[in-house]
Each structure stands twice: as C-alpha cells, then as structure tokens.
Amino acid sequence: MAQLPVYLLKPDVLGLLAAKKHPTYRLILDLMWTTGVRISEILALTLASVIEDGYGVVLTTLKQRPKRPKKTALARSV
C-alpha cells in the first residue's frame, strides 16, 4: 500500500478545488487551504464570525478566546 503524503502541495490542492463542483464543499476546501483552520473551526463559522476590518476579512475561530490583559494594559485602565 502506498504511503499517503503528510501534507498537500499547491498543485494537489488546486486539483482538489477543480474536482469539487459543489460550491459549499469548494468554499470549505478553499477556506481551509487559505487560512489554515481546522474542519471543526470551519463548521463553527457563522456570518457573525466574518468581520470586515478595512484591510480584509477576519475570521473569528474557536481558538480566539478572551485572554487575560497584560500588566501594562491594566496599569493604563482606570
């Protein structure tokens, strides 16, 4: 049995995108390729997850949880 590659190269991904005719599956594959997010993060996206920031689009993902403020930020706040 042939060993599967550890990762896909650009020609492989472009071939997958060309083979997928269903627009939803193409979008999922394209988002995963361009952003590097996991399938669970793609499936959790909603329209509210997409934020236009003036430079592009920001996707909020599961890993982006509120973090503890740094000491310098706490010192500046009232």
Protein backbone atom coordinates (compact mmCIF):
# COMPACT_ATOMS: atom_id res chain seq x y z
CA MET A 1 0.00 0.00 0.00
CA ALA A 2 1.30 3.46 -0.94
CA GLN A 3 2.12 5.89 1.82
CA LEU A 4 -0.13 8.99 1.90
CA PRO A 5 1.65 12.36 1.91
CA VAL A 6 1.92 14.19 5.21
CA TYR A 7 0.74 17.42 3.58
CA LEU A 8 -0.63 18.59 0.26
CA LEU A 9 1.27 20.79 -2.16
CA LYS A 10 -0.32 23.65 -4.07
CA PRO A 11 -0.90 21.61 -7.28
CA ASP A 12 -2.64 18.91 -5.20
CA VAL A 13 -4.94 21.45 -3.56
CA LEU A 14 -5.72 23.15 -6.86
CA GLY A 15 -6.63 19.74 -8.27
CA LEU A 16 -8.97 19.10 -5.34
CA LEU A 17 -10.61 22.51 -5.79
CA ALA A 18 -11.06 21.91 -9.52
CA ALA A 19 -12.61 18.49 -8.88
CA LYS A 20 -15.18 19.76 -6.35
CA LYS A 21 -18.26 21.05 -8.13
CA HIS A 22 -20.48 21.67 -5.08
CA PRO A 23 -19.98 25.33 -4.05
CA THR A 24 -20.20 24.65 -0.31
CA TYR A 25 -17.51 21.98 -0.38
CA ARG A 26 -15.32 24.14 -2.62
CA LEU A 27 -15.67 27.01 -0.15
CA ILE A 28 -14.75 24.76 2.78
CA LEU A 29 -11.67 23.44 1.00
CA ASP A 30 -10.64 26.91 -0.14
CA LEU A 31 -11.03 28.41 3.34
CA MET A 32 -9.07 25.58 4.90
CA TRP A 33 -6.27 25.99 2.35
CA THR A 34 -6.02 29.78 2.55
CA THR A 35 -6.50 30.24 6.30
CA GLY A 36 -5.12 27.02 7.79
CA VAL A 37 -8.12 26.49 10.06
CA ARG A 38 -9.35 23.06 11.10
CA ILE A 39 -12.56 21.50 9.82
CA SER A 40 -14.23 21.99 13.23
CA GLU A 41 -13.42 25.70 13.07
CA ILE A 42 -14.84 25.99 9.54
CA LEU A 43 -18.05 24.22 10.57
CA ALA A 44 -18.44 26.53 13.58
CA LEU A 45 -18.27 29.70 11.44
CA THR A 46 -21.35 31.86 11.09
CA LEU A 47 -21.92 35.16 9.32
CA ALA A 48 -21.19 36.87 12.64
CA SER A 49 -17.74 35.21 12.59
CA VAL A 50 -16.74 37.19 9.49
CA ILE A 51 -15.60 40.73 10.31
CA GLU A 52 -14.57 43.31 7.70
CA ASP A 53 -11.69 45.30 9.19
CA GLY A 54 -10.91 47.67 6.31
CA TYR A 55 -7.88 45.66 5.18
CA GLY A 56 -9.54 42.32 4.58
CA VAL A 57 -11.73 39.81 6.32
CA VAL A 58 -11.08 38.47 9.81
CA LEU A 59 -12.46 35.08 10.74
CA THR A 60 -13.01 34.58 14.45
CA THR A 61 -12.26 30.99 15.32
CA LEU A 62 -12.60 28.70 18.30
CA LYS A 63 -9.05 29.42 19.46
CA GLN A 64 -9.69 33.16 19.81
CA ARG A 65 -10.90 33.25 23.38
CA PRO A 66 -10.68 36.29 25.60
CA LYS A 67 -7.21 36.45 27.12
CA ARG A 68 -6.03 37.90 30.37
CA PRO A 69 -4.97 41.54 29.99
CA LYS A 70 -1.27 42.30 30.27
CA LYS A 71 0.05 44.23 33.26
CA THR A 72 0.71 47.31 31.12
CA ALA A 73 -2.89 47.34 29.91
CA LEU A 74 -4.15 47.00 33.46
CA ALA A 75 -1.93 49.89 34.58
CA ARG A 76 -3.40 52.14 31.85
CA SER A 77 -7.02 51.29 32.63
CA VAL A 78 -8.95 53.07 35.31
